[in-house]
Every structure is written in structure tokens, then in C-alpha cells.
């Protein structure tokens, strides 16, 4: 029997390895990320008083937030965490966007249909869609057509995690967003979300 001390040490080593792997993966992803020129422009991190300038500034911030999450394949936002994340905090410039500024950007994204707050009252955590459900649906159906999969049935797991969809942009798509994308296709008469043999699936037309 393995002593409890050794079990605890093994657990701690595994936990440390996991965090190191996560940090390394994130760093490599960010190394490939192309930051826009505004990110290295100090005034970008201060909400501008001129309305026309502010409009362009918020457009740039919205584009950056969506591109950033697309790069990381992230579908959620936590306001507490992102305050100190590279997205809103440029350590090289020693500048960061204020919490008020962050909420202005997120509100703009909400108006565009890219963010939904889990709790609209607290506005601390939200679902982020760097593609709208309609855009995901169109992408999925284009792939289905290219594979001649009309009139076929597949599980949601096969669609988003299966070998056939590897290499597609929707591979690994979170279930809640996948269902919304399929719902848009169902509304268009191109698909039907179904349950069979205890599995959730979809039939394409």
C-alpha cells in the first residue's frame, strides 16, 4: 500500500505539472497572437472623451476581445479574471483599461450579440460568442454539405469532438453554443436536433 505522504506528493506533482502545462500552452498561443497596433498605443487604454474617437476606440477593443478569445478558443468571460489578463493589461506599457472601460467594451459586445451575462444583475461572468450562432450554423452546414451528410444522423459528440470534424473551426465547440448553432439550422429547415438511444444528436436535411 502506498503511504499517504507519497500519494499527496504525487498529487501535488501532478497538479504542478498541469498548471505548468496550462501556462506554457497559453504562452505559446499568445506568442502567435497578432496584437493590433493600438495595443501598443498608450491612449488606447484610456476611454477617450471625444464621442467619435471613443466610437472608433470601442470598435477596436471589441475586435481585439473577439480575436483574443478566438485565438484561445475561449467561450466565456470572467470580469474578475480579465482585469489583470494580458488582454486588458499591457505590462510592457504599464497600462491597463479601467474596470469602467472594460464594462463599456463588454456592453458594446453585448449589444452586438457576442456576450450574454449569466447573471445580468452582477455582470461578473458571461458567455462569449466570437462567432454568432448563425455564423456557426452556416459553417457547420457548409461542412455537412461538403461531406454529403444530408439525411444523415450523428451525435453532438461526433459532430464537435469526432475524428471527422478534426481540423474544422467548430471542432471542440462547447455544447451550449453548438446547440444554439444547430437551432438556427433547425429554424431554417436544414436540421433537426433529436434524442436517440440516450444520446443527443442531429439530423441534417
C-alpha atoms as a PDB file:
ATOM      1  CA  UNK A   1       0.000   0.000   0.000  1.00  0.00           C
ATOM      2  CA  UNK A   2       1.382   3.424  -0.971  1.00  0.00           C
ATOM      3  CA  UNK A   3       1.894   5.704   2.072  1.00  0.00           C
ATOM      4  CA  UNK A   4      -0.441   8.695   2.230  1.00  0.00           C
ATOM      5  CA  UNK A   5       2.576  11.027   2.180  1.00  0.00           C
ATOM      6  CA  UNK A   6       3.692   9.628  -1.187  1.00  0.00           C
ATOM      7  CA  UNK A   7       0.135   9.838  -2.546  1.00  0.00           C
ATOM      8  CA  UNK A   8      -0.048  13.504  -1.560  1.00  0.00           C
ATOM      9  CA  UNK A   9       3.351  14.212  -3.144  1.00  0.00           C
ATOM     10  CA  UNK A  10       2.268  12.510  -6.387  1.00  0.00           C
ATOM     11  CA  UNK A  11      -0.930  14.568  -6.401  1.00  0.00           C
ATOM     12  CA  UNK A  12       0.985  17.807  -5.847  1.00  0.00           C
ATOM     13  CA  UNK A  13       3.450  16.911  -8.615  1.00  0.00           C
ATOM     14  CA  UNK A  14       0.561  16.189 -10.991  1.00  0.00           C
ATOM     15  CA  UNK A  15      -1.137  19.458 -10.060  1.00  0.00           C
ATOM     16  CA  UNK A  16       2.066  21.448 -10.580  1.00  0.00           C
ATOM     17  CA  UNK A  17       2.632  19.743 -13.946  1.00  0.00           C
ATOM     18  CA  UNK A  18      -0.923  20.612 -15.003  1.00  0.00           C
ATOM     19  CA  UNK A  19      -0.509  24.295 -14.173  1.00  0.00           C
ATOM     20  CA  UNK A  20       2.895  24.448 -15.895  1.00  0.00           C
ATOM     21  CA  UNK A  21       1.402  22.805 -18.983  1.00  0.00           C
ATOM     22  CA  UNK A  22      -1.504  25.268 -18.958  1.00  0.00           C
ATOM     23  CA  UNK A  23       0.780  28.289 -18.604  1.00  0.00           C
ATOM     24  CA  UNK A  24       3.115  27.036 -21.355  1.00  0.00           C
ATOM     25  CA  UNK A  25       0.222  26.337 -23.723  1.00  0.00           C
ATOM     26  CA  UNK A  26      -1.256  29.771 -23.050  1.00  0.00           C
ATOM     27  CA  UNK A  27       2.121  31.458 -23.548  1.00  0.00           C
ATOM     28  CA  UNK A  28       2.674  29.686 -26.865  1.00  0.00           C
ATOM     29  CA  UNK A  29      -0.810  30.659 -28.025  1.00  0.00           C
ATOM     30  CA  UNK A  30      -0.192  34.274 -27.097  1.00  0.00           C
ATOM     31  CA  UNK A  31       3.209  34.217 -28.812  1.00  0.00           C
ATOM     32  CA  UNK A  32       1.350  33.551 -32.057  1.00  0.00           C
ATOM     33  CA  UNK A  33      -1.284  36.180 -31.380  1.00  0.00           C
ATOM     34  CA  UNK A  34      -1.007  39.291 -33.541  1.00  0.00           C
ATOM     35  CA  UNK A  35      -1.701  42.254 -31.272  1.00  0.00           C
ATOM     36  CA  UNK A  36      -3.132  45.243 -33.169  1.00  0.00           C
ATOM     37  CA  UNK A  37      -1.077  48.442 -33.312  1.00  0.00           C
ATOM     38  CA  UNK A  38      -3.487  50.139 -30.887  1.00  0.00           C
ATOM     39  CA  UNK A  39      -2.427  47.710 -28.140  1.00  0.00           C
ATOM     40  CA  UNK A  40       0.986  49.390 -28.041  1.00  0.00           C
ATOM     41  CA  UNK A  41      -0.501  52.901 -28.115  1.00  0.00           C
ATOM     42  CA  UNK A  42      -0.868  54.172 -24.508  1.00  0.00           C
ATOM     43  CA  UNK A  43      -4.030  56.300 -25.081  1.00  0.00           C
ATOM     44  CA  UNK A  44      -5.817  53.116 -26.186  1.00  0.00           C
ATOM     45  CA  UNK A  45      -6.082  52.174 -22.504  1.00  0.00           C
ATOM     46  CA  UNK A  46      -7.911  55.379 -21.571  1.00  0.00           C
ATOM     47  CA  UNK A  47     -11.512  55.840 -22.697  1.00  0.00           C
ATOM     48  CA  UNK A  48     -11.460  58.923 -24.896  1.00  0.00           C
ATOM     49  CA  UNK A  49     -13.826  61.848 -24.154  1.00  0.00           C
ATOM     50  CA  UNK A  50     -14.464  62.737 -27.808  1.00  0.00           C
ATOM     51  CA  UNK A  51     -17.502  60.692 -28.898  1.00  0.00           C
ATOM     52  CA  UNK A  52     -16.288  59.996 -32.443  1.00  0.00           C
ATOM     53  CA  UNK A  53     -12.858  58.947 -31.202  1.00  0.00           C
ATOM     54  CA  UNK A  54     -14.438  56.809 -28.475  1.00  0.00           C
ATOM     55  CA  UNK A  55     -16.623  55.058 -31.032  1.00  0.00           C
ATOM     56  CA  UNK A  56     -13.580  54.006 -33.068  1.00  0.00           C
ATOM     57  CA  UNK A  57     -11.751  53.074 -29.868  1.00  0.00           C
ATOM     58  CA  UNK A  58     -14.568  50.787 -28.711  1.00  0.00           C
ATOM     59  CA  UNK A  59     -14.753  49.197 -32.171  1.00  0.00           C
ATOM     60  CA  UNK A  60     -11.049  48.389 -31.937  1.00  0.00           C
ATOM     61  CA  UNK A  61     -11.445  46.995 -28.407  1.00  0.00           C
ATOM     62  CA  UNK A  62     -14.388  44.817 -29.462  1.00  0.00           C
ATOM     63  CA  UNK A  63     -12.420  43.406 -32.388  1.00  0.00           C
ATOM     64  CA  UNK A  64      -9.465  42.711 -30.083  1.00  0.00           C
ATOM     65  CA  UNK A  65     -11.604  40.908 -27.479  1.00  0.00           C
ATOM     66  CA  UNK A  66     -13.171  38.659 -30.126  1.00  0.00           C
ATOM     67  CA  UNK A  67      -9.840  37.900 -31.818  1.00  0.00           C
ATOM     68  CA  UNK A  68      -8.212  37.187 -28.445  1.00  0.00           C
ATOM     69  CA  UNK A  69     -10.881  34.677 -27.448  1.00  0.00           C
ATOM     70  CA  UNK A  70     -10.898  33.138 -30.917  1.00  0.00           C
ATOM     71  CA  UNK A  71      -7.151  32.537 -30.640  1.00  0.00           C
ATOM     72  CA  UNK A  72      -7.649  30.766 -27.309  1.00  0.00           C
ATOM     73  CA  UNK A  73     -10.921  29.069 -28.313  1.00  0.00           C
ATOM     74  CA  UNK A  74     -12.486  30.556 -25.208  1.00  0.00           C
ATOM     75  CA  UNK A  75     -16.251  30.868 -24.937  1.00  0.00           C
ATOM     76  CA  UNK A  76     -16.642  32.593 -21.582  1.00  0.00           C
ATOM     77  CA  UNK A  77     -15.596  35.771 -19.836  1.00  0.00           C
ATOM     78  CA  UNK A  78     -14.947  36.384 -16.146  1.00  0.00           C
ATOM     79  CA  UNK A  79     -14.615  40.086 -15.348  1.00  0.00           C
ATOM     80  CA  UNK A  80     -12.583  39.454 -12.193  1.00  0.00           C
ATOM     81  CA  UNK A  81     -10.004  37.425 -14.122  1.00  0.00           C
ATOM     82  CA  UNK A  82      -9.718  39.524 -17.267  1.00  0.00           C
ATOM     83  CA  UNK A  83      -8.946  42.724 -15.340  1.00  0.00           C
ATOM     84  CA  UNK A  84      -5.365  41.531 -14.917  1.00  0.00           C
ATOM     85  CA  UNK A  85      -5.141  39.394 -18.063  1.00  0.00           C
ATOM     86  CA  UNK A  86      -2.882  40.491 -20.972  1.00  0.00           C
ATOM     87  CA  UNK A  87      -5.995  41.389 -22.964  1.00  0.00           C
ATOM     88  CA  UNK A  88      -6.712  44.483 -20.864  1.00  0.00           C
ATOM     89  CA  UNK A  89      -3.341  44.885 -19.160  1.00  0.00           C
ATOM     90  CA  UNK A  90      -0.216  45.740 -21.159  1.00  0.00           C
ATOM     91  CA  UNK A  91       2.640  45.242 -18.718  1.00  0.00           C
ATOM     92  CA  UNK A  92       5.195  46.479 -21.232  1.00  0.00           C
ATOM     93  CA  UNK A  93       3.467  49.865 -21.324  1.00  0.00           C
ATOM     94  CA  UNK A  94       2.425  49.654 -17.676  1.00  0.00           C
ATOM     95  CA  UNK A  95      -1.109  50.483 -18.820  1.00  0.00           C
ATOM     96  CA  UNK A  96      -4.424  48.772 -18.264  1.00  0.00           C
ATOM     97  CA  UNK A  97      -8.010  49.544 -19.117  1.00  0.00           C
ATOM     98  CA  UNK A  98     -10.095  50.625 -16.121  1.00  0.00           C
ATOM     99  CA  UNK A  99     -12.939  48.446 -14.888  1.00  0.00           C
ATOM    100  CA  UNK A 100     -15.344  51.101 -16.179  1.00  0.00           C
ATOM    101  CA  UNK A 101     -13.689  50.893 -19.578  1.00  0.00           C
ATOM    102  CA  UNK A 102     -13.855  47.095 -19.569  1.00  0.00           C
ATOM    103  CA  UNK A 103     -17.581  47.194 -18.899  1.00  0.00           C
ATOM    104  CA  UNK A 104     -18.052  49.707 -21.711  1.00  0.00           C
ATOM    105  CA  UNK A 105     -16.357  47.305 -24.120  1.00  0.00           C
ATOM    106  CA  UNK A 106     -18.332  44.307 -22.862  1.00  0.00           C
ATOM    107  CA  UNK A 107     -21.597  46.227 -23.067  1.00  0.00           C
ATOM    108  CA  UNK A 108     -20.835  47.089 -26.677  1.00  0.00           C
ATOM    109  CA  UNK A 109     -20.223  43.399 -27.363  1.00  0.00           C
ATOM    110  CA  UNK A 110     -23.495  42.533 -25.632  1.00  0.00           C
ATOM    111  CA  UNK A 111     -25.361  44.934 -27.914  1.00  0.00           C
ATOM    112  CA  UNK A 112     -23.772  43.200 -30.899  1.00  0.00           C
ATOM    113  CA  UNK A 113     -24.955  39.797 -29.652  1.00  0.00           C
ATOM    114  CA  UNK A 114     -21.497  38.486 -28.775  1.00  0.00           C
ATOM    115  CA  UNK A 115     -21.941  38.336 -24.986  1.00  0.00           C
ATOM    116  CA  UNK A 116     -24.694  37.117 -22.690  1.00  0.00           C
ATOM    117  CA  UNK A 117     -24.389  37.648 -18.949  1.00  0.00           C
ATOM    118  CA  UNK A 118     -25.037  34.587 -16.808  1.00  0.00           C
ATOM    119  CA  UNK A 119     -26.423  36.945 -14.188  1.00  0.00           C
ATOM    120  CA  UNK A 120     -27.479  40.284 -15.739  1.00  0.00           C
ATOM    121  CA  UNK A 121     -27.584  41.861 -12.269  1.00  0.00           C
ATOM    122  CA  UNK A 122     -23.992  41.195 -11.201  1.00  0.00           C
ATOM    123  CA  UNK A 123     -22.433  41.099 -14.687  1.00  0.00           C
ATOM    124  CA  UNK A 124     -19.432  39.145 -13.442  1.00  0.00           C
ATOM    125  CA  UNK A 125     -19.463  36.134 -15.767  1.00  0.00           C
ATOM    126  CA  UNK A 126     -20.770  35.760 -19.263  1.00  0.00           C
ATOM    127  CA  UNK A 127     -20.960  33.556 -22.336  1.00  0.00           C
ATOM    128  CA  UNK A 128     -18.870  34.883 -25.198  1.00  0.00           C
ATOM    129  CA  UNK A 129     -19.532  34.146 -28.849  1.00  0.00           C
ATOM    130  CA  UNK A 130     -16.780  35.330 -31.178  1.00  0.00           C
ATOM    131  CA  UNK A 131     -18.984  33.893 -33.911  1.00  0.00           C
ATOM    132  CA  UNK A 132     -22.736  34.259 -33.640  1.00  0.00           C
ATOM    133  CA  UNK A 133     -24.849  31.049 -33.551  1.00  0.00           C
ATOM    134  CA  UNK A 134     -25.990  31.881 -37.092  1.00  0.00           C
ATOM    135  CA  UNK A 135     -22.380  32.086 -38.283  1.00  0.00           C
ATOM    136  CA  UNK A 136     -21.515  28.783 -36.583  1.00  0.00           C
ATOM    137  CA  UNK A 137     -24.597  27.182 -38.104  1.00  0.00           C
ATOM    138  CA  UNK A 138     -23.616  28.326 -41.588  1.00  0.00           C
ATOM    139  CA  UNK A 139     -20.077  27.000 -41.077  1.00  0.00           C
ATOM    140  CA  UNK A 140     -21.323  23.627 -39.833  1.00  0.00           C
ATOM    141  CA  UNK A 141     -23.816  23.222 -42.670  1.00  0.00           C
ATOM    142  CA  UNK A 142     -21.173  24.109 -45.253  1.00  0.00           C
ATOM    143  CA  UNK A 143     -19.034  21.277 -43.856  1.00  0.00           C
ATOM    144  CA  UNK A 144     -22.022  18.904 -43.814  1.00  0.00           C
ATOM    145  CA  UNK A 145     -22.715  19.692 -47.476  1.00  0.00           C
ATOM    146  CA  UNK A 146     -19.080  19.142 -48.415  1.00  0.00           C
ATOM    147  CA  UNK A 147     -19.278  15.688 -46.782  1.00  0.00           C
ATOM    148  CA  UNK A 148     -22.651  14.885 -48.411  1.00  0.00           C
ATOM    149  CA  UNK A 149     -24.095  14.259 -44.953  1.00  0.00           C
ATOM    150  CA  UNK A 150     -27.618  15.446 -45.716  1.00  0.00           C
ATOM    151  CA  UNK A 151     -30.247  12.955 -44.492  1.00  0.00           C
ATOM    152  CA  UNK A 152     -27.722  11.502 -42.065  1.00  0.00           C
ATOM    153  CA  UNK A 153     -27.731  11.445 -38.255  1.00  0.00           C
ATOM    154  CA  UNK A 154     -24.810  11.990 -35.904  1.00  0.00           C
ATOM    155  CA  UNK A 155     -24.406  12.596 -32.189  1.00  0.00           C
ATOM    156  CA  UNK A 156     -23.414  16.001 -30.887  1.00  0.00           C
ATOM    157  CA  UNK A 157     -20.178  14.442 -29.640  1.00  0.00           C
ATOM    158  CA  UNK A 158     -19.343  13.071 -33.093  1.00  0.00           C
ATOM    159  CA  UNK A 159     -20.039  16.466 -34.612  1.00  0.00           C
ATOM    160  CA  UNK A 160     -17.867  18.547 -32.295  1.00  0.00           C
ATOM    161  CA  UNK A 161     -15.334  16.019 -30.988  1.00  0.00           C
ATOM    162  CA  UNK A 162     -15.214  13.262 -33.587  1.00  0.00           C
ATOM    163  CA  UNK A 163     -12.311  12.471 -35.893  1.00  0.00           C
ATOM    164  CA  UNK A 164     -14.220  13.570 -38.981  1.00  0.00           C
ATOM    165  CA  UNK A 165     -14.520  17.153 -37.724  1.00  0.00           C
ATOM    166  CA  UNK A 166     -10.879  17.475 -36.673  1.00  0.00           C
ATOM    167  CA  UNK A 167      -9.298  20.473 -38.308  1.00  0.00           C
ATOM    168  CA  UNK A 168     -12.579  22.347 -38.635  1.00  0.00           C
ATOM    169  CA  UNK A 169     -13.173  25.604 -36.784  1.00  0.00           C
ATOM    170  CA  UNK A 170     -16.119  24.139 -34.901  1.00  0.00           C
ATOM    171  CA  UNK A 171     -14.157  21.137 -33.588  1.00  0.00           C
ATOM    172  CA  UNK A 172     -14.242  21.405 -29.796  1.00  0.00           C
ATOM    173  CA  UNK A 173     -17.136  23.864 -29.839  1.00  0.00           C
ATOM    174  CA  UNK A 174     -18.794  23.960 -26.426  1.00  0.00           C
ATOM    175  CA  UNK A 175     -22.127  22.151 -26.250  1.00  0.00           C
ATOM    176  CA  UNK A 176     -24.273  25.176 -25.343  1.00  0.00           C
ATOM    177  CA  UNK A 177     -23.044  27.074 -28.392  1.00  0.00           C
ATOM    178  CA  UNK A 178     -23.228  24.021 -30.642  1.00  0.00           C
ATOM    179  CA  UNK A 179     -26.897  23.592 -29.718  1.00  0.00           C
ATOM    180  CA  UNK A 180     -27.613  27.240 -30.490  1.00  0.00           C
ATOM    181  CA  UNK A 181     -25.915  26.895 -33.864  1.00  0.00           C
ATOM    182  CA  UNK A 182     -27.944  23.792 -34.672  1.00  0.00           C
ATOM    183  CA  UNK A 183     -31.112  25.562 -33.552  1.00  0.00           C
ATOM    184  CA  UNK A 184     -30.529  28.203 -36.223  1.00  0.00           C
ATOM    185  CA  UNK A 185     -30.285  25.418 -38.815  1.00  0.00           C
ATOM    186  CA  UNK A 186     -33.417  23.816 -37.433  1.00  0.00           C
ATOM    187  CA  UNK A 187     -35.252  27.131 -37.789  1.00  0.00           C
ATOM    188  CA  UNK A 188     -34.189  27.151 -41.452  1.00  0.00           C
ATOM    189  CA  UNK A 189     -35.388  23.583 -42.021  1.00  0.00           C
ATOM    190  CA  UNK A 190     -31.846  22.332 -42.571  1.00  0.00           C
ATOM    191  CA  UNK A 191     -31.536  20.213 -39.431  1.00  0.00           C
ATOM    192  CA  UNK A 192     -33.416  18.706 -36.507  1.00  0.00           C
ATOM    193  CA  UNK A 193     -31.984  18.229 -33.033  1.00  0.00           C
ATOM    194  CA  UNK A 194     -33.057  14.805 -31.774  1.00  0.00           C
ATOM    195  CA  UNK A 195     -32.581  12.304 -28.945  1.00  0.00           C
ATOM    196  CA  UNK A 196     -31.940   8.645 -29.704  1.00  0.00           C
ATOM    197  CA  UNK A 197     -30.668   5.737 -27.626  1.00  0.00           C
ATOM    198  CA  UNK A 198     -29.950   8.125 -24.758  1.00  0.00           C
ATOM    199  CA  UNK A 199     -27.800  10.361 -26.956  1.00  0.00           C
ATOM    200  CA  UNK A 200     -28.315  13.886 -28.191  1.00  0.00           C
ATOM    201  CA  UNK A 201     -27.882  14.163 -31.905  1.00  0.00           C
ATOM    202  CA  UNK A 202     -28.845  15.986 -35.054  1.00  0.00           C
ATOM    203  CA  UNK A 203     -30.251  15.013 -38.413  1.00  0.00           C
ATOM    204  CA  UNK A 204     -29.322  17.168 -41.378  1.00  0.00           C
ATOM    205  CA  UNK A 205     -31.531  17.789 -44.403  1.00  0.00           C
END
